[in-house]
């Protein structure tokens, strides 16, 4: 089955939201799926599609300071462990570089150990930043330089 990574359309995000538990399990992150990101930063919001639908996606944008910020990245439950997350990051990095990015950034909650491990495997540096999301809301902040040459694991 052929996999294609392409810019996301609004219909793709609606499909992802309809199948939200397949990407996020019990965590309800629907409110983080900002449709304005797709509308305003379309080239850096990507979906990985195969014959059976959307296997994964990344929503991100490039800041004026040249940071490719990944707001959300997810793979469908039956696509985990296949290297798709790495492929999505590589595609995002390429798109972000095309819009002037020189570095990548992402954040996650301090309890999301799977995300921390995933980002570290991709060569990101991780730092816990106190009060990043407000008083008492520490977050893990990931940084890495471009180009994206993630180690194959």
N, C-alpha and C. Protein backbone atom coordinates (compact mmCIF):
# COMPACT_ATOMS: atom_id res chain seq x y z
N UNK A 1 0.85 -1.18 0.00
CA UNK A 1 0.00 0.00 0.00
C UNK A 1 0.89 1.24 0.00
N UNK A 2 0.67 2.11 -0.94
CA UNK A 2 1.47 3.32 -1.12
C UNK A 2 1.06 4.39 -0.11
N UNK A 3 2.07 5.01 0.47
CA UNK A 3 1.84 6.08 1.44
C UNK A 3 2.27 7.39 0.80
N UNK A 4 1.42 8.41 0.92
CA UNK A 4 1.74 9.73 0.40
C UNK A 4 1.59 10.75 1.52
N UNK A 5 2.58 11.64 1.63
CA UNK A 5 2.49 12.74 2.58
C UNK A 5 2.26 14.00 1.77
N UNK A 6 1.12 14.66 2.05
CA UNK A 6 0.69 15.83 1.30
C UNK A 6 0.16 16.90 2.25
N UNK A 7 0.05 18.14 1.77
CA UNK A 7 -0.57 19.17 2.61
C UNK A 7 -1.98 18.77 3.01
N UNK A 8 -2.34 19.09 4.24
CA UNK A 8 -3.67 18.75 4.78
C UNK A 8 -4.73 19.69 4.21
N UNK A 9 -5.88 19.13 3.95
CA UNK A 9 -7.06 19.91 3.59
C UNK A 9 -7.98 19.96 4.80
N UNK A 10 -8.92 20.89 4.78
CA UNK A 10 -9.86 20.99 5.89
C UNK A 10 -10.61 19.67 6.09
N UNK A 11 -10.98 19.01 5.00
CA UNK A 11 -11.69 17.73 5.10
C UNK A 11 -10.84 16.68 5.82
N UNK A 12 -9.52 16.74 5.65
CA UNK A 12 -8.64 15.80 6.34
C UNK A 12 -8.70 16.00 7.85
N UNK A 13 -8.71 17.24 8.29
CA UNK A 13 -8.76 17.51 9.72
C UNK A 13 -10.11 17.08 10.29
N UNK A 14 -11.16 17.29 9.53
CA UNK A 14 -12.49 16.83 9.97
C UNK A 14 -12.50 15.31 10.11
N UNK A 15 -11.83 14.61 9.19
CA UNK A 15 -11.75 13.15 9.28
C UNK A 15 -10.95 12.72 10.50
N UNK A 16 -9.82 13.38 10.72
CA UNK A 16 -8.99 13.08 11.90
C UNK A 16 -9.80 13.29 13.18
N UNK A 17 -10.54 14.38 13.25
CA UNK A 17 -11.34 14.66 14.44
C UNK A 17 -12.45 13.62 14.62
N UNK A 18 -13.03 13.14 13.54
CA UNK A 18 -14.07 12.11 13.63
C UNK A 18 -13.49 10.79 14.14
N UNK A 19 -12.22 10.56 13.88
CA UNK A 19 -11.55 9.32 14.31
C UNK A 19 -10.54 9.59 15.43
N UNK A 20 -10.76 10.65 16.17
CA UNK A 20 -9.82 11.14 17.19
C UNK A 20 -9.24 10.04 18.09
N UNK A 21 -10.04 9.13 18.64
CA UNK A 21 -9.46 8.10 19.53
C UNK A 21 -8.42 7.20 18.85
N UNK A 22 -8.49 7.04 17.55
CA UNK A 22 -7.51 6.20 16.84
C UNK A 22 -6.13 6.85 16.86
N UNK A 23 -6.07 8.15 17.03
CA UNK A 23 -4.80 8.86 17.06
C UNK A 23 -4.35 9.18 18.49
N UNK A 24 -5.29 9.43 19.38
CA UNK A 24 -4.96 9.95 20.70
C UNK A 24 -5.44 9.09 21.85
N UNK A 25 -6.09 7.96 21.57
CA UNK A 25 -6.57 7.09 22.65
C UNK A 25 -7.60 7.81 23.50
N UNK A 26 -7.43 7.73 24.80
CA UNK A 26 -8.39 8.30 25.74
C UNK A 26 -8.20 9.81 25.95
N UNK A 27 -7.05 10.35 25.53
CA UNK A 27 -6.80 11.78 25.72
C UNK A 27 -7.62 12.58 24.72
N UNK A 28 -8.39 13.53 25.20
CA UNK A 28 -9.21 14.36 24.32
C UNK A 28 -8.45 15.63 23.97
N UNK A 29 -7.82 15.64 22.81
CA UNK A 29 -7.04 16.78 22.37
C UNK A 29 -7.70 17.48 21.18
N UNK A 30 -8.98 17.26 21.01
CA UNK A 30 -9.67 17.88 19.88
C UNK A 30 -9.55 19.40 19.88
N UNK A 31 -9.54 20.02 21.06
CA UNK A 31 -9.48 21.49 21.12
C UNK A 31 -8.14 22.03 20.62
N UNK A 32 -7.12 21.18 20.55
CA UNK A 32 -5.80 21.63 20.05
C UNK A 32 -5.70 21.59 18.53
N UNK A 33 -6.69 21.00 17.88
CA UNK A 33 -6.69 20.91 16.41
C UNK A 33 -7.25 22.21 15.83
N UNK A 34 -6.41 23.21 15.81
CA UNK A 34 -6.80 24.54 15.39
C UNK A 34 -6.91 24.59 13.86
N UNK A 35 -8.13 24.74 13.38
CA UNK A 35 -8.35 24.75 11.94
C UNK A 35 -7.65 25.92 11.26
N UNK A 36 -7.44 27.00 12.00
CA UNK A 36 -6.73 28.15 11.44
C UNK A 36 -5.30 27.78 11.02
N UNK A 37 -4.70 26.81 11.69
CA UNK A 37 -3.35 26.40 11.29
C UNK A 37 -3.35 25.86 9.87
N UNK A 38 -4.35 25.03 9.56
CA UNK A 38 -4.45 24.47 8.21
C UNK A 38 -4.76 25.58 7.20
N UNK A 39 -5.65 26.48 7.58
CA UNK A 39 -6.03 27.55 6.66
C UNK A 39 -4.90 28.54 6.41
N UNK A 40 -4.12 28.85 7.44
CA UNK A 40 -3.09 29.89 7.31
C UNK A 40 -1.69 29.36 7.06
N UNK A 41 -1.43 28.12 7.44
CA UNK A 41 -0.09 27.54 7.30
C UNK A 41 -0.16 26.21 6.57
N UNK A 42 -0.98 26.13 5.55
CA UNK A 42 -1.24 24.89 4.83
C UNK A 42 -0.03 24.09 4.42
N UNK A 43 1.02 24.71 3.88
CA UNK A 43 2.17 23.92 3.42
C UNK A 43 2.92 23.19 4.53
N UNK A 44 2.72 23.58 5.80
CA UNK A 44 3.40 22.91 6.91
C UNK A 44 2.45 22.12 7.78
N UNK A 45 1.25 21.90 7.30
CA UNK A 45 0.29 21.00 7.95
C UNK A 45 0.10 19.83 6.99
N UNK A 46 0.53 18.65 7.40
CA UNK A 46 0.64 17.53 6.48
C UNK A 46 -0.12 16.31 6.97
N UNK A 47 -0.60 15.50 6.02
CA UNK A 47 -1.22 14.22 6.33
C UNK A 47 -0.48 13.12 5.58
N UNK A 48 -0.40 11.96 6.20
CA UNK A 48 0.15 10.76 5.57
C UNK A 48 -1.05 9.87 5.25
N UNK A 49 -1.26 9.66 3.97
CA UNK A 49 -2.45 8.96 3.52
C UNK A 49 -2.07 7.68 2.77
N UNK A 50 -2.83 6.63 3.04
CA UNK A 50 -2.71 5.38 2.30
C UNK A 50 -4.11 5.00 1.84
N UNK A 51 -4.25 3.87 1.22
CA UNK A 51 -5.54 3.44 0.71
C UNK A 51 -6.62 3.32 1.76
N UNK A 52 -6.21 3.11 3.00
CA UNK A 52 -7.18 2.94 4.09
C UNK A 52 -7.38 4.22 4.91
N UNK A 53 -6.99 5.37 4.38
CA UNK A 53 -7.24 6.64 5.07
C UNK A 53 -5.98 7.32 5.56
N UNK A 54 -6.19 8.23 6.49
CA UNK A 54 -5.09 9.02 7.04
C UNK A 54 -4.41 8.23 8.16
N UNK A 55 -3.16 7.92 7.94
CA UNK A 55 -2.39 7.14 8.91
C UNK A 55 -1.71 8.02 9.96
N UNK A 56 -1.48 9.27 9.62
CA UNK A 56 -0.84 10.18 10.56
C UNK A 56 -0.87 11.59 10.02
N UNK A 57 -0.51 12.53 10.88
CA UNK A 57 -0.53 13.93 10.47
C UNK A 57 0.36 14.76 11.38
N UNK A 58 0.71 15.93 10.87
CA UNK A 58 1.47 16.90 11.65
C UNK A 58 0.89 18.28 11.33
N UNK A 59 0.66 19.06 12.37
CA UNK A 59 0.20 20.44 12.23
C UNK A 59 1.30 21.34 12.78
N UNK A 60 1.80 22.23 11.96
CA UNK A 60 2.86 23.11 12.40
C UNK A 60 2.96 24.36 11.54
N UNK A 61 3.90 25.20 11.88
CA UNK A 61 4.10 26.46 11.17
C UNK A 61 5.52 26.94 11.40
N UNK A 62 5.91 27.97 10.67
CA UNK A 62 7.23 28.57 10.81
C UNK A 62 7.06 29.96 11.42
N UNK A 63 7.79 30.22 12.49
CA UNK A 63 7.73 31.52 13.15
C UNK A 63 8.57 32.55 12.38
N UNK A 64 8.33 33.83 12.61
CA UNK A 64 9.16 34.86 11.95
C UNK A 64 10.65 34.73 12.29
N UNK A 65 10.98 34.13 13.42
CA UNK A 65 12.38 33.97 13.82
C UNK A 65 13.03 32.72 13.22
N UNK A 66 12.30 32.00 12.36
CA UNK A 66 12.88 30.84 11.69
C UNK A 66 12.79 29.53 12.43
N UNK A 67 11.81 29.39 13.30
CA UNK A 67 11.59 28.14 14.01
C UNK A 67 10.42 27.40 13.39
N UNK A 68 10.64 26.16 13.01
CA UNK A 68 9.57 25.29 12.56
C UNK A 68 8.95 24.65 13.79
N UNK A 69 7.78 25.13 14.16
CA UNK A 69 7.13 24.69 15.40
C UNK A 69 6.10 23.60 15.07
N UNK A 70 6.26 22.44 15.69
CA UNK A 70 5.31 21.35 15.54
C UNK A 70 4.29 21.46 16.66
N UNK A 71 3.07 21.79 16.28
CA UNK A 71 1.98 21.95 17.25
C UNK A 71 1.41 20.59 17.64
N UNK A 72 1.15 19.73 16.68
CA UNK A 72 0.65 18.37 16.93
C UNK A 72 1.26 17.42 15.91
N UNK A 73 1.57 16.22 16.36
CA UNK A 73 1.96 15.14 15.46
C UNK A 73 1.36 13.87 16.03
N UNK A 74 0.74 13.07 15.17
CA UNK A 74 0.09 11.85 15.65
C UNK A 74 0.09 10.80 14.55
N UNK A 75 0.15 9.55 14.97
CA UNK A 75 -0.03 8.44 14.05
C UNK A 75 -1.21 7.60 14.54
N UNK A 76 -1.92 7.04 13.59
CA UNK A 76 -3.08 6.22 13.90
C UNK A 76 -2.62 4.96 14.63
N UNK A 77 -3.49 4.39 15.44
CA UNK A 77 -3.13 3.26 16.29
C UNK A 77 -2.50 2.10 15.51
N UNK A 78 -2.91 1.84 14.28
CA UNK A 78 -2.36 0.73 13.52
C UNK A 78 -1.11 1.10 12.72
N UNK A 79 -0.64 2.34 12.87
CA UNK A 79 0.56 2.77 12.14
C UNK A 79 1.73 3.06 13.08
N UNK A 80 1.56 2.87 14.36
CA UNK A 80 2.64 3.15 15.32
C UNK A 80 3.74 2.11 15.20
N UNK A 81 4.96 2.57 15.41
CA UNK A 81 6.11 1.68 15.35
C UNK A 81 6.57 1.37 13.93
N UNK A 82 6.03 2.07 12.94
CA UNK A 82 6.38 1.82 11.54
C UNK A 82 7.38 2.82 10.99
N UNK A 83 7.76 3.82 11.78
CA UNK A 83 8.63 4.87 11.29
C UNK A 83 7.87 6.04 10.69
N UNK A 84 6.54 5.99 10.75
CA UNK A 84 5.74 7.06 10.16
C UNK A 84 5.96 8.39 10.87
N UNK A 85 6.09 8.40 12.17
CA UNK A 85 6.34 9.65 12.89
C UNK A 85 7.62 10.31 12.39
N UNK A 86 8.66 9.52 12.19
CA UNK A 86 9.92 10.03 11.66
C UNK A 86 9.72 10.59 10.25
N UNK A 87 8.94 9.88 9.42
CA UNK A 87 8.67 10.35 8.06
C UNK A 87 7.91 11.68 8.08
N UNK A 88 6.94 11.79 8.97
CA UNK A 88 6.18 13.03 9.08
C UNK A 88 7.07 14.18 9.51
N UNK A 89 7.95 13.93 10.49
CA UNK A 89 8.87 14.99 10.93
C UNK A 89 9.79 15.40 9.79
N UNK A 90 10.30 14.43 9.03
CA UNK A 90 11.19 14.76 7.92
C UNK A 90 10.46 15.60 6.87
N UNK A 91 9.22 15.25 6.57
CA UNK A 91 8.44 16.01 5.59
C UNK A 91 8.14 17.41 6.12
N UNK A 92 7.81 17.51 7.41
CA UNK A 92 7.57 18.83 8.01
C UNK A 92 8.85 19.67 7.95
N UNK A 93 9.98 19.06 8.31
CA UNK A 93 11.25 19.79 8.32
C UNK A 93 11.57 20.33 6.93
N UNK A 94 11.35 19.53 5.92
CA UNK A 94 11.60 19.97 4.54
C UNK A 94 10.69 21.14 4.17
N UNK A 95 9.41 21.02 4.50
CA UNK A 95 8.46 22.11 4.22
C UNK A 95 8.83 23.36 5.01
N UNK A 96 9.19 23.19 6.28
CA UNK A 96 9.55 24.33 7.13
C UNK A 96 10.81 25.02 6.61
N UNK A 97 11.80 24.24 6.20
CA UNK A 97 13.01 24.84 5.64
C UNK A 97 12.68 25.65 4.39
N UNK A 98 11.75 25.17 3.60
CA UNK A 98 11.34 25.90 2.42
C UNK A 98 10.70 27.24 2.74
N UNK A 99 10.27 27.41 3.99
CA UNK A 99 9.67 28.67 4.44
C UNK A 99 10.60 29.41 5.41
N UNK A 100 11.89 29.06 5.39
CA UNK A 100 12.89 29.82 6.13
C UNK A 100 13.27 29.29 7.50
N UNK A 101 12.78 28.13 7.89
CA UNK A 101 13.14 27.58 9.21
C UNK A 101 14.59 27.11 9.23
N UNK A 102 15.24 27.34 10.37
CA UNK A 102 16.61 26.88 10.58
C UNK A 102 16.69 25.94 11.79
N UNK A 103 15.58 25.81 12.49
CA UNK A 103 15.52 24.94 13.68
C UNK A 103 14.09 24.43 13.84
N UNK A 104 13.96 23.37 14.64
CA UNK A 104 12.64 22.81 14.97
C UNK A 104 12.40 22.94 16.46
N UNK A 105 11.12 23.05 16.81
CA UNK A 105 10.72 23.12 18.22
C UNK A 105 9.39 22.40 18.38
N UNK A 106 9.22 21.78 19.53
CA UNK A 106 7.95 21.16 19.92
C UNK A 106 7.89 21.17 21.43
N UNK A 107 6.71 20.96 21.99
CA UNK A 107 6.56 20.86 23.44
C UNK A 107 5.65 19.68 23.76
N UNK A 108 5.75 19.20 24.99
CA UNK A 108 4.83 18.19 25.49
C UNK A 108 4.75 18.33 27.00
N UNK A 109 3.77 17.67 27.57
CA UNK A 109 3.63 17.69 29.03
C UNK A 109 4.75 16.88 29.66
N UNK A 110 5.06 17.19 30.90
CA UNK A 110 6.16 16.51 31.58
C UNK A 110 5.87 15.02 31.80
N UNK A 111 4.61 14.63 31.81
CA UNK A 111 4.27 13.23 32.01
C UNK A 111 4.22 12.40 30.74
N UNK A 112 4.41 13.02 29.59
CA UNK A 112 4.31 12.30 28.33
C UNK A 112 5.66 11.68 27.97
N UNK A 113 5.98 10.59 28.67
CA UNK A 113 7.29 9.96 28.50
C UNK A 113 7.48 9.37 27.11
N UNK A 114 6.40 8.93 26.46
CA UNK A 114 6.52 8.39 25.10
C UNK A 114 6.96 9.49 24.13
N UNK A 115 6.38 10.68 24.27
CA UNK A 115 6.76 11.79 23.41
C UNK A 115 8.21 12.21 23.66
N UNK A 116 8.61 12.25 24.91
CA UNK A 116 9.99 12.62 25.24
C UNK A 116 10.95 11.62 24.59
N UNK A 117 10.68 10.33 24.74
CA UNK A 117 11.55 9.31 24.16
C UNK A 117 11.58 9.42 22.63
N UNK A 118 10.42 9.62 22.01
CA UNK A 118 10.33 9.75 20.55
C UNK A 118 11.18 10.92 20.07
N UNK A 119 11.02 12.08 20.68
CA UNK A 119 11.76 13.26 20.24
C UNK A 119 13.27 13.08 20.47
N UNK A 120 13.65 12.47 21.56
CA UNK A 120 15.08 12.23 21.80
C UNK A 120 15.66 11.29 20.74
N UNK A 121 14.88 10.27 20.35
CA UNK A 121 15.35 9.36 19.29
C UNK A 121 15.55 10.11 17.97
N UNK A 122 14.81 11.19 17.78
CA UNK A 122 14.94 11.98 16.56
C UNK A 122 16.02 13.06 16.65
N UNK A 123 16.75 13.06 17.74
CA UNK A 123 17.87 13.99 17.87
C UNK A 123 17.54 15.32 18.51
N UNK A 124 16.36 15.43 19.12
CA UNK A 124 15.99 16.67 19.80
C UNK A 124 16.64 16.73 21.17
N UNK A 125 16.99 17.93 21.60
CA UNK A 125 17.37 18.17 22.98
C UNK A 125 16.09 18.48 23.75
N UNK A 126 15.97 17.97 24.95
CA UNK A 126 14.76 18.16 25.76
C UNK A 126 15.12 18.89 27.04
N UNK A 127 14.29 19.88 27.38
CA UNK A 127 14.51 20.66 28.60
C UNK A 127 13.15 20.91 29.25
N UNK A 128 13.05 20.64 30.54
CA UNK A 128 11.83 20.96 31.27
C UNK A 128 11.88 22.44 31.64
N UNK A 129 10.84 23.17 31.23
CA UNK A 129 10.79 24.61 31.47
C UNK A 129 9.65 24.89 32.45
N UNK A 130 10.02 25.42 33.62
CA UNK A 130 9.03 25.73 34.66
C UNK A 130 8.06 26.80 34.17
N UNK A 131 6.79 26.60 34.49
CA UNK A 131 5.73 27.58 34.21
C UNK A 131 5.58 27.91 32.72
N UNK A 132 6.03 27.04 31.83
CA UNK A 132 5.97 27.32 30.39
C UNK A 132 4.54 27.62 29.93
N UNK A 133 3.58 26.88 30.46
CA UNK A 133 2.17 27.05 30.08
C UNK A 133 1.38 27.77 31.15
N UNK A 134 2.05 28.56 31.97
CA UNK A 134 1.41 29.28 33.05
C UNK A 134 1.92 28.78 34.39
N UNK A 135 1.53 29.45 35.47
CA UNK A 135 2.01 29.07 36.81
C UNK A 135 1.73 27.59 37.12
N UNK A 136 2.78 26.89 37.49
CA UNK A 136 2.65 25.48 37.87
C UNK A 136 2.45 24.54 36.70
N UNK A 137 2.56 25.03 35.48
CA UNK A 137 2.34 24.19 34.29
C UNK A 137 3.64 24.07 33.50
N UNK A 138 4.52 23.23 34.05
CA UNK A 138 5.80 22.97 33.42
C UNK A 138 5.57 22.16 32.14
N UNK A 139 6.46 22.35 31.16
CA UNK A 139 6.40 21.60 29.91
C UNK A 139 7.81 21.18 29.53
N UNK A 140 7.89 20.10 28.76
CA UNK A 140 9.16 19.71 28.17
C UNK A 140 9.23 20.39 26.81
N UNK A 141 10.32 21.13 26.59
CA UNK A 141 10.51 21.86 25.34
C UNK A 141 11.64 21.16 24.57
N UNK A 142 11.36 20.86 23.30
CA UNK A 142 12.32 20.17 22.43
C UNK A 142 12.86 21.16 21.39
N UNK A 143 14.17 21.07 21.15
CA UNK A 143 14.83 21.89 20.13
C UNK A 143 15.78 21.01 19.34
N UNK A 144 15.93 21.32 18.07
CA UNK A 144 17.00 20.72 17.27
C UNK A 144 17.21 21.58 16.04
N UNK A 145 18.45 21.58 15.57
CA UNK A 145 18.80 22.35 14.38
C UNK A 145 18.35 21.60 13.13
N UNK A 146 18.18 22.36 12.07
CA UNK A 146 17.95 21.78 10.75
C UNK A 146 19.30 21.81 10.03
N UNK A 147 19.59 20.94 9.08
CA UNK A 147 18.62 20.04 8.46
C UNK A 147 18.28 18.86 9.35
N UNK A 148 17.18 18.23 9.01
CA UNK A 148 16.66 17.09 9.76
C UNK A 148 17.30 15.83 9.20
N UNK A 149 18.13 15.22 10.02
CA UNK A 149 18.78 13.97 9.64
C UNK A 149 18.66 13.00 10.80
N UNK A 150 17.39 12.64 11.09
CA UNK A 150 17.11 11.80 12.26
C UNK A 150 17.79 10.45 12.14
N UNK A 151 18.40 10.00 13.24
CA UNK A 151 18.99 8.67 13.23
C UNK A 151 17.92 7.62 12.99
N UNK A 152 18.26 6.62 12.21
CA UNK A 152 17.33 5.51 11.96
C UNK A 152 17.45 4.52 13.13
N UNK A 153 16.34 4.26 13.81
CA UNK A 153 16.39 3.32 14.94
C UNK A 153 15.43 2.20 14.71
